[in-house]
Every structure is written in structure tokens, then in C-alpha cells.
Protein backbone atom coordinates (compact mmCIF):
# COMPACT_ATOMS: atom_id res chain seq x y z
CA MET A 1 -36.23 4.97 10.04
CA LEU A 2 -33.75 7.12 8.81
CA LYS A 3 -34.74 9.17 5.36
CA VAL A 4 -32.21 8.61 2.50
CA LEU A 5 -30.92 11.37 0.13
CA LEU A 6 -28.82 10.98 -2.37
CA VAL A 7 -29.16 13.95 -4.33
CA LEU A 8 -27.08 16.46 -6.84
CA VAL A 9 -26.47 19.77 -5.75
CA GLY A 10 -23.93 22.53 -6.84
CA PHE A 11 -20.59 20.90 -6.89
CA CYS A 12 -18.75 22.63 -3.94
CA CYS A 13 -17.06 19.45 -1.89
CA ILE A 14 -13.80 20.11 -1.63
CA PRO A 15 -11.79 17.49 0.77
CA ILE A 16 -10.16 18.63 3.61
CA ALA A 17 -6.30 18.86 2.34
CA GLY A 18 -3.33 20.50 3.77
CA ALA A 19 0.14 19.55 4.78
CA GLU A 20 -0.36 19.12 8.28
CA PRO A 21 -3.22 16.14 8.86
CA SER A 22 -0.71 14.61 6.52
CA ARG A 23 2.50 14.44 7.94
CA GLU A 24 0.83 13.46 11.51
CA LEU A 25 -0.76 10.20 9.46
CA LEU A 26 2.33 9.43 8.03
CA LYS A 27 4.32 10.39 11.00
CA ASN A 28 2.07 7.12 12.56
CA LEU A 29 2.84 5.06 9.61
CA ARG A 30 6.44 5.34 10.00
CA HIS A 31 6.30 4.76 14.07
CA ARG A 32 4.76 1.35 13.47
CA ILE A 33 7.57 0.04 11.07
CA GLN A 34 10.02 -2.35 13.10
CA ASP A 35 12.89 -3.97 11.03
CA LEU A 36 13.36 -7.90 10.43
CA PRO A 37 15.98 -9.43 12.71
CA THR A 38 17.37 -11.13 9.55
CA GLY A 39 18.33 -7.31 8.00
CA SER A 40 15.60 -7.88 5.00
CA GLY A 41 14.11 -5.00 4.80
CA SER A 42 11.03 -4.16 7.67
CA LEU A 43 7.11 -4.39 8.26
CA ILE A 44 4.89 -2.16 9.49
CA LYS A 45 2.68 -3.39 12.51
CA SER A 46 -0.74 -3.48 11.68
CA PHE A 47 -3.07 -2.89 14.77
CA THR A 48 -1.66 -1.68 18.27
CA ASP A 49 -3.69 -4.61 20.05
CA HIS A 50 -2.07 -7.08 17.67
CA SER A 51 1.17 -8.70 16.78
CA GLN A 52 1.06 -8.85 12.88
CA SER A 53 1.82 -7.33 9.77
CA TYR A 54 -1.13 -7.72 7.13
CA ILE A 55 0.20 -7.74 3.64
CA TYR A 56 -2.49 -5.50 2.35
CA ASP A 57 -1.63 -3.12 5.30
CA GLN A 58 2.15 -3.56 4.34
CA ALA A 59 1.01 -2.26 0.56
CA LEU A 60 -1.37 0.40 1.87
CA ALA A 61 1.61 1.68 3.81
CA ILE A 62 4.04 1.59 0.64
CA ILE A 63 1.78 3.27 -1.28
CA ALA A 64 1.25 6.08 1.39
CA PHE A 65 5.18 6.88 1.10
CA THR A 66 5.47 6.63 -2.38
CA LYS A 67 2.99 9.09 -3.02
CA GLU A 68 4.32 11.22 -0.43
CA GLY A 69 7.84 10.55 -2.48
CA ASP A 70 9.12 8.67 0.88
CA LYS A 71 11.72 6.07 -1.08
CA GLU A 72 13.48 5.22 2.21
CA HIS A 73 10.26 3.48 4.03
CA ALA A 74 8.39 2.53 0.99
CA GLY A 75 11.45 0.61 -0.03
CA LYS A 76 11.89 -1.08 3.40
CA LEU A 77 8.39 -2.44 3.46
CA LEU A 78 9.16 -3.80 -0.08
CA LYS A 79 12.31 -5.08 0.92
CA GLY A 80 10.67 -6.67 3.82
CA LEU A 81 8.23 -8.29 1.61
CA ALA A 82 10.63 -9.17 -1.11
CA SER A 83 12.32 -11.29 1.68
CA LEU A 84 9.22 -12.90 2.52
CA GLN A 85 7.89 -14.18 -0.63
CA HIS A 86 7.81 -17.81 -1.49
CA THR A 87 9.41 -19.61 -4.55
CA ASP A 88 6.12 -19.74 -6.28
CA GLY A 89 5.67 -15.86 -6.36
CA SER A 90 2.98 -16.13 -3.48
CA LEU A 91 2.68 -14.37 0.29
CA TYR A 92 0.81 -15.50 3.30
CA PHE A 93 -1.88 -12.97 4.23
CA SER A 94 -0.05 -11.97 7.84
CA TYR A 95 3.45 -11.99 9.28
CA TYR A 96 4.25 -11.45 12.99
CA MET A 97 6.85 -8.72 13.15
CA ASN A 98 9.83 -11.10 13.41
CA GLY A 99 8.86 -12.46 9.55
CA LYS A 100 7.41 -15.48 10.78
CA SER A 101 3.95 -16.52 10.00
CA PRO A 102 0.84 -18.22 11.77
CA TYR A 103 0.03 -19.36 8.00
CA PRO A 104 0.22 -22.34 7.05
CA ILE A 105 -0.75 -23.93 10.44
CA GLU A 106 -3.68 -21.69 10.84
CA GLY A 107 -4.71 -22.88 6.72
CA ASP A 108 -3.17 -21.58 3.93
CA LYS A 109 -4.18 -18.02 3.76
CA ARG A 110 -2.76 -16.82 0.42
CA PHE A 111 -5.60 -14.72 -0.18
CA ALA A 112 -5.43 -13.21 -4.22
CA GLY A 113 -6.91 -9.81 -2.94
CA ALA A 114 -4.19 -8.97 -0.47
CA ILE A 115 -1.34 -10.28 -3.02
CA ALA A 116 -2.63 -8.38 -5.37
CA TRP A 117 -2.07 -4.86 -3.31
CA VAL A 118 1.26 -6.18 -2.86
CA ALA A 119 1.73 -6.28 -7.08
CA LEU A 120 -0.33 -3.08 -6.94
CA ALA A 121 2.20 -0.88 -4.20
CA ALA A 122 5.15 -2.76 -5.95
CA THR A 123 3.98 -0.77 -9.57
CA HIS A 124 3.22 2.67 -7.24
CA TYR A 125 6.90 2.37 -6.32
CA GLN A 126 8.46 1.86 -9.50
CA HIS A 127 6.20 4.41 -11.57
CA LYS A 128 7.20 7.19 -9.32
CA PHE A 129 10.92 6.52 -8.18
CA LYS A 130 11.88 5.49 -12.10
CA SER A 131 13.14 2.44 -10.07
CA LYS A 132 13.15 -1.54 -11.16
CA GLU A 133 14.42 -2.67 -7.87
CA TYR A 134 11.44 -4.38 -7.24
CA LEU A 135 10.33 -5.24 -10.95
CA ASP A 136 11.28 -9.12 -10.24
CA PHE A 137 9.66 -9.33 -7.50
CA ASN A 138 6.22 -7.61 -8.69
CA GLN A 139 6.92 -9.87 -11.97
CA ARG A 140 6.77 -13.06 -9.65
CA VAL A 141 3.93 -11.83 -7.70
CA LEU A 142 1.68 -11.62 -10.69
CA SER A 143 2.95 -14.66 -12.32
CA TYR A 144 1.47 -16.36 -9.11
CA LEU A 145 -1.62 -14.48 -9.36
CA GLU A 146 -2.06 -15.93 -13.08
CA THR A 147 -1.84 -19.67 -11.65
CA GLN A 148 -4.78 -18.61 -9.49
CA MET A 149 -7.23 -17.60 -12.61
CA HIS A 150 -9.56 -19.90 -13.85
CA PRO A 151 -12.37 -20.12 -16.21
CA ILE A 152 -15.81 -18.99 -15.26
CA ARG A 153 -19.36 -18.39 -17.09
CA VAL A 154 -21.41 -15.82 -15.44
CA ASN A 155 -24.44 -14.61 -17.22
CA GLY A 156 -23.64 -16.41 -20.36
CA VAL A 157 -20.44 -14.36 -20.23
CA LYS A 158 -16.89 -16.82 -20.55
CA THR A 159 -14.14 -15.10 -18.74
CA LYS A 160 -11.64 -15.63 -15.97
CA ALA A 161 -11.13 -14.82 -12.71
CA VAL A 162 -9.32 -15.09 -9.66
CA VAL A 163 -10.19 -17.29 -6.95
CA PHE A 164 -10.32 -16.34 -3.50
CA SER A 165 -7.32 -18.85 -2.28
CA PRO A 166 -5.17 -21.65 -3.38
CA THR A 167 -6.69 -24.13 -0.78
CA ASN A 168 -9.96 -24.52 0.87
CA ILE A 169 -9.98 -23.23 4.71
CA PRO A 170 -11.37 -25.79 6.68
CA THR A 171 -12.63 -23.33 9.22
CA THR A 172 -15.05 -21.39 6.78
CA SER A 173 -18.43 -22.69 5.59
CA TRP A 174 -17.54 -22.39 2.32
CA ASN A 175 -14.71 -23.65 -0.43
CA GLU A 176 -11.95 -20.53 -0.80
CA ASN A 177 -10.64 -22.38 -3.72
CA GLU A 178 -13.96 -22.35 -5.45
CA ILE A 179 -15.20 -18.42 -5.14
CA ALA A 180 -14.01 -15.53 -7.39
CA ALA A 181 -14.51 -12.51 -5.17
CA LEU A 182 -15.32 -9.23 -6.79
CA GLU A 183 -12.86 -6.65 -4.38
CA HIS A 184 -9.88 -9.70 -5.06
CA ASN A 185 -10.59 -9.53 -8.72
CA LEU A 186 -11.30 -5.90 -8.64
CA ASP A 187 -7.66 -5.65 -6.93
CA ALA A 188 -5.87 -7.99 -9.49
CA TYR A 189 -7.20 -5.96 -12.68
CA SER A 190 -6.02 -3.12 -11.10
CA ALA A 191 -2.34 -4.90 -10.37
CA PHE A 192 -2.48 -6.09 -13.82
CA LEU A 193 -3.42 -3.25 -15.85
CA HIS A 194 -1.07 -0.44 -14.03
CA PHE A 195 1.56 -2.86 -14.96
CA ALA A 196 1.08 -3.20 -18.27
CA GLN A 197 0.73 0.39 -18.75
CA ILE A 198 4.03 1.46 -17.32
CA ASN A 199 6.35 -1.60 -18.96
CA GLN A 200 4.09 -2.29 -22.06
CA ASP A 201 3.13 -5.40 -21.25
CA LYS A 202 0.57 -6.68 -23.67
CA LYS A 203 -0.05 -10.24 -21.45
CA ARG A 204 -0.41 -8.78 -18.59
CA LEU A 205 -3.08 -6.18 -20.15
CA SER A 206 -4.44 -9.04 -22.06
CA THR A 207 -5.44 -10.62 -18.41
CA ALA A 208 -6.47 -7.10 -17.05
CA GLN A 209 -9.11 -7.16 -19.57
CA GLU A 210 -10.42 -10.75 -18.76
CA LEU A 211 -10.70 -9.72 -15.15
CA GLU A 212 -12.53 -6.40 -16.11
CA LYS A 213 -14.92 -8.66 -18.23
CA PHE A 214 -15.53 -11.09 -14.84
CA VAL A 215 -16.29 -7.74 -12.68
CA ILE A 216 -18.49 -6.36 -15.22
CA THR A 217 -20.81 -9.51 -15.00
CA LEU A 218 -21.39 -8.68 -11.30
CA TRP A 219 -23.26 -5.74 -12.09
CA ASP A 220 -26.77 -5.52 -11.46
CA LYS A 221 -28.57 -3.72 -14.44
CA SER A 222 -32.15 -4.10 -12.17
CA GLN A 223 -30.76 -3.07 -8.88
CA ASP A 224 -28.25 -0.88 -10.41
CA HIS A 225 -25.76 -1.89 -7.90
CA PHE A 226 -22.69 -4.78 -7.98
CA TRP A 227 -22.80 -8.14 -6.36
CA SER A 228 -19.93 -10.15 -4.34
CA GLY A 229 -18.65 -12.51 -6.04
CA ALA A 230 -19.56 -15.98 -8.28
CA ASN A 231 -18.75 -19.65 -7.89
CA VAL A 232 -15.98 -20.53 -10.22
CA LYS A 233 -17.63 -24.18 -11.18
CA ASN A 234 -21.31 -23.30 -11.74
CA GLY A 235 -21.33 -19.29 -12.40
CA LYS A 236 -23.84 -18.53 -9.52
CA ILE A 237 -23.56 -15.09 -8.41
CA ASN A 238 -23.97 -14.84 -4.34
CA LYS A 239 -26.89 -12.38 -3.58
CA SER A 240 -26.97 -13.51 0.00
CA GLU A 241 -24.72 -10.48 1.06
CA PHE A 242 -24.33 -6.85 0.11
CA TYR A 243 -20.69 -5.29 0.59
CA LEU A 244 -19.95 -1.41 1.14
CA ASP A 245 -16.38 -2.18 -0.57
CA ASN A 246 -18.40 -3.68 -3.56
CA GLN A 247 -19.48 -0.16 -4.81
CA SER A 248 -16.76 1.96 -3.63
CA TRP A 249 -14.01 0.11 -4.82
CA SER A 250 -15.19 -0.73 -8.15
CA LEU A 251 -15.65 2.61 -8.80
CA LEU A 252 -12.53 3.77 -7.35
CA ALA A 253 -10.69 0.44 -10.18
CA LEU A 254 -13.17 1.16 -12.83
CA ASP A 255 -12.22 3.41 -16.22
CA GLN A 256 -13.97 6.48 -15.90
CA ASN A 257 -15.87 5.99 -19.40
CA LEU A 258 -16.97 2.20 -18.16
CA LEU A 259 -18.37 3.63 -15.27
CA LYS A 260 -20.01 6.19 -17.99
CA LYS A 261 -22.22 3.34 -19.24
CA LEU A 262 -23.22 2.03 -15.62
CA LYS A 263 -25.05 4.14 -12.83
CA PRO A 264 -22.40 4.68 -10.31
CA ILE A 265 -24.33 7.16 -8.56
CA LYS A 266 -26.98 4.41 -7.88
CA ALA A 267 -24.13 2.17 -6.25
CA LEU A 268 -23.59 4.66 -3.74
CA LYS A 269 -26.89 5.21 -3.03
CA LYS A 270 -27.51 2.22 -2.21
CA ASN A 271 -24.35 2.33 0.19
CA CYS A 272 -26.43 4.92 1.92
CA ASP A 273 -29.60 3.19 1.63
CA SER A 274 -28.18 -0.21 3.53
CA LEU A 275 -25.20 0.44 5.35
CA PHE A 276 -25.12 3.82 6.83
CA VAL A 277 -24.62 4.36 10.35
CA LYS A 278 -24.22 6.80 13.60
CA HIS A 279 -22.39 4.69 16.33
CA HIS A 280 -20.38 6.87 18.82
CA GLU A 281 -20.82 10.16 17.49
CA VAL A 282 -18.95 9.17 14.41
CA GLU A 283 -21.67 9.04 11.13
CA GLY A 284 -19.61 6.71 8.63
CA PHE A 285 -20.62 3.51 6.86
CA MET A 286 -20.45 -0.64 8.22
CA ASP A 287 -18.89 -3.05 5.86
CA SER A 288 -22.01 -5.28 5.01
CA LYS A 289 -25.23 -6.63 6.18
CA PRO A 290 -27.42 -9.91 4.76
CA THR A 291 -29.44 -8.93 2.10
CA ARG A 292 -32.27 -10.51 3.67
CA ARG A 293 -32.26 -9.66 6.96
CA PRO A 294 -31.06 -6.71 9.06
CA ALA A 295 -26.91 -6.83 10.10
CA SER A 296 -26.11 -8.45 13.98
CA HIS A 297 -23.85 -5.53 14.87
CA LYS A 298 -23.55 -1.91 13.76
CA PHE A 299 -20.49 0.34 13.64
CA VAL A 300 -18.63 2.82 11.93
CA TRP A 301 -15.84 1.36 9.56
CA SER A 302 -13.19 3.75 9.03
CA GLU A 303 -11.53 2.14 6.05
CA GLY A 304 -14.57 1.64 4.19
CA THR A 305 -16.02 5.02 5.10
CA LEU A 306 -13.11 6.33 3.56
CA GLY A 307 -13.37 4.22 0.79
CA GLN A 308 -17.15 6.03 0.34
CA VAL A 309 -15.63 9.52 0.43
CA LEU A 310 -13.23 8.95 -2.47
CA ALA A 311 -16.07 6.86 -4.74
CA MET A 312 -18.03 9.90 -3.83
CA ASN A 313 -15.08 12.25 -4.96
CA LYS A 314 -14.30 10.58 -8.23
CA VAL A 315 -18.03 10.17 -9.62
CA GLN A 316 -18.78 13.40 -8.64
CA LYS A 317 -15.86 14.55 -10.74
CA ILE A 318 -17.52 12.25 -13.76
CA HIS A 319 -20.92 14.53 -13.40
CA LYS A 320 -19.44 17.53 -12.02
CA LYS A 321 -21.82 17.96 -9.08
CA GLU A 322 -22.12 17.42 -5.60
CA LEU A 323 -23.25 13.96 -3.88
CA ASN A 324 -25.04 13.86 -1.22
CA CYS A 325 -25.89 10.69 0.90
CA GLN A 326 -27.90 10.63 4.18
CA GLY A 327 -27.73 15.15 3.87
CA LYS A 328 -23.63 15.27 4.23
CA ASN A 329 -21.02 15.52 1.37
CA SER A 330 -18.13 13.72 1.25
CA ASN A 331 -15.92 16.13 3.04
CA ASP A 332 -18.59 15.72 5.90
CA TYR A 333 -18.00 11.89 6.13
CA LEU A 334 -13.96 12.78 5.82
CA LYS A 335 -14.42 14.89 9.26
CA ASN A 336 -16.39 12.37 10.99
CA VAL A 337 -13.24 9.89 10.17
CA PHE A 338 -11.03 12.21 12.36
CA LYS A 339 -13.44 11.63 15.43
CA MET A 340 -11.75 7.88 14.99
CA LYS A 341 -8.23 9.28 16.11
CA LYS A 342 -6.51 7.33 18.76
CA SER A 343 -4.44 8.59 21.65
CA ASP A 344 -1.15 7.35 18.96
CA GLY A 345 -2.57 9.67 16.56
CA GLY A 346 -3.27 6.59 14.45
CA ILE A 347 -7.33 5.98 13.32
CA ALA A 348 -9.40 3.47 14.81
CA TYR A 349 -10.07 0.44 12.75
CA SER A 350 -13.59 0.62 13.60
CA THR A 351 -16.07 2.19 16.26
CA PRO A 352 -16.49 -0.22 19.55
CA THR A 353 -18.25 -3.61 18.13
CA PRO A 354 -18.06 -7.01 19.19
CA ASN A 355 -17.82 -8.33 15.64
CA PRO A 356 -14.47 -10.25 16.11
CA ASP A 357 -13.01 -8.96 12.96
CA PHE A 358 -13.29 -5.70 13.69
CA THR A 359 -11.45 -3.59 16.10
CA ASN A 360 -11.19 -0.29 17.64
CA SER A 361 -7.62 -0.11 17.90
CA SER A 362 -5.51 2.28 16.03
CA SER A 363 -5.10 0.48 12.64
CA VAL A 364 -2.53 1.22 9.00
CA ALA A 365 -5.60 1.02 7.11
CA GLY A 366 -7.68 3.94 8.91
CA THR A 367 -4.50 5.52 8.52
CA ALA A 368 -3.37 4.84 5.44
CA TRP A 369 -7.20 5.44 3.94
CA LEU A 370 -7.54 8.60 5.48
CA TYR A 371 -4.23 10.01 4.22
CA PHE A 372 -5.57 8.75 0.95
CA ALA A 373 -8.74 11.05 1.52
CA VAL A 374 -7.47 13.90 2.80
CA ASN A 375 -4.95 14.17 -0.40
CA ASP A 376 -8.05 12.79 -2.49
CA PHE A 377 -5.86 10.02 -3.60
CA ASN A 378 -7.48 6.95 -5.61
CA PRO A 379 -4.95 4.30 -4.44
CA PHE A 380 -6.02 2.44 -7.33
CA GLN A 381 -4.88 4.66 -9.86
CA VAL A 382 -1.07 4.93 -10.42
CA GLU A 383 -0.36 8.44 -10.36
CA GLY A 384 0.27 9.73 -13.57
CA LEU A 385 -0.82 7.12 -15.84
CA ASN A 386 -4.39 7.62 -17.97
């Protein structure tokens, strides 16, 4: 059994930087873009072995292009999403490259987290380019998310949270309309907060504060980490699974002053304790594991590993000291993800695994998150805002 270390030493870790890695990663993202046959914008191909564009990946690419100042490609992708938006403001989880969707035939998959990322991407675009071109589109997205907020009481705290999906998906063992996932509420929190700040929208700011209140209820003071979500009907917290993103994304999304009241170093240590993997000569992190038994498959997940890298960087800045995890710093893990580069220049979503939810294919998510990490850029935070 590996001995896990997460220690504070002299702050010296500087992420890999430079224009060349960024150019190569953005080049891969641009090569994936395909115009819709309707002429109404474009979609980005999420994986080389899939024929779909997931709206979360669209959002990541928009944020990456926006960060780089590439208004043309960011705008094409936003235009594509705007052309697919339902009258209620929602979007399906994914679309084929011709703009059609496998949904609702395969289920009414309108997952709140992915939709929130679209709103956050539109806000990045608005702020960077001082453009209100997609403001109405974003308003409709946020209005839809507000319809997905349900009252919830967790650990005696009354607030509201967005549910996973508007309807139950029959193929799963749980009811998506009754579950408020931490990850989705972090996404929504960031989307509402930054929109409110840019547009001086007090109503959306109040929504963000409700979501933040819910997020904090999932912090376990006895174990110093976040749980994955809760049932909106009875407030019961899911403690059967431990997820990587619940720690890293919380640390990326939440305000620095709030984090000082928690113990983010210990939350990151939990990831090191439970989710560190060396697989196919790559050292990084897998996505999750049951709390009472080992994970069924161990593999390195590029997107999640890079989220951990950025979370480590953020916590290092707060404490002004470097974090080591399994004897490695954030830059070491960043270098490991470069080992996952595929022949087309994109980054594999994961190392090879039989887990059907992951693929060794070149991916938008791995490529975009590596771009963020190379630039030490937190996509949950709109650049230039406090």
C-alpha cells in the first residue's frame, strides 16, 4: 500500500507555461470544429471515437478560445448553442454534429451542470469581448436553471439547490429529479455569481448565495471534505461514494475567504489518499470510488487530474506554500498529463479502461483542461473579476 504524503514545503511550484503548448492545444480544438448544416454556428467534436458534441465540451472550448482572445471560434460555438436552445432556455446534454440529438429518445437528458457551464462560458465571452451578443441567450439559460431549483433542508439548513435533471432517467437506479449534486450546484453557483457581478443583477446574486449555502452544507467537518450531493425530499446526504471533482471543483469555485474557513489542504489530501493512480506509466487521479470498497477500475483521468492540479495551485497561493501529493507537486502531475497526448495532438480522456463512461480517445475535455492548467487559469473564475 502506497504511503500518501501531502506536506507543505517552500513554495516553488511554477506550472509549465509558454506559448507553444497553448498554441498546439488550441490548434487541436479548432480542428474539431464543424459548421452546422443550417449555417447557424458550429459544434465541436468531443471525442475522436464519438460522433457527438457534449455541451459541456462546447463550453470548455468557448472558455479556452475566450481566454486566448479568439472571438471568432468562441462566437461560432456560442452561435451553434444558441441555435439549438429550447424555448424554455434549456439544452440537451449532447448533439450529433448535424445538430440533431440522441435525446429525448434516449431519455430527457438536460443535466443542470452542463447547462450551467454553457451559461458560465457565455459570461466569460461577454466580459472578455465587452459583447452583449449572447446576453439574451444567457439570460434564458439562467432562467431555465432557476426553474430547476428546489427547496432543500440539509443538516438543519434551509436553502435551494438545482436538481440533476428535470425528469427521471429510467435506465438509472436513482431519480435524477430528486438529487441535488454538489458538482452541478457548484457549476450553477459560478454561472449565477459571475453573471450577477458583470450585469449587476441582484436577483441572480441572491440565487448564487442560495447555491453557495447548499454547497457548504455538504462539507463534512469531521472528515474535512465535501460529499457528492443530497436528496431534495429528505435532505439525506450521499455518503456511499467519494468523488475527485467534489474536492477540486469546490476549491476552484468557492471564494478564497470562504475557503480559509474550511480545510482545503485536507480535502486535497483526501483525493491523494483515495484516488491517486499510476496506470500505463501515467501518474494522476481517477474519478471516484465507493467509500466502503475498492474501485472496480483504476485509471488516470486527464480532466480530473488537471482539476486537481489547478486546485493545488489555488490552495498554494492561499497558504503561500507548495503542496506535495504522493511526493509530487502540481507541476509533476501536469507533466504526466502530457504523456496522454494522442497522435492528433489532443489529450486522451483517460488511460485505457473498460469503464464505459471513459475513453482513451483524444478529447475536448482533456485538451481544454490542459490548456487551462498550462496557463494556471481557473475556468470557474471570470478573468478580471474580484
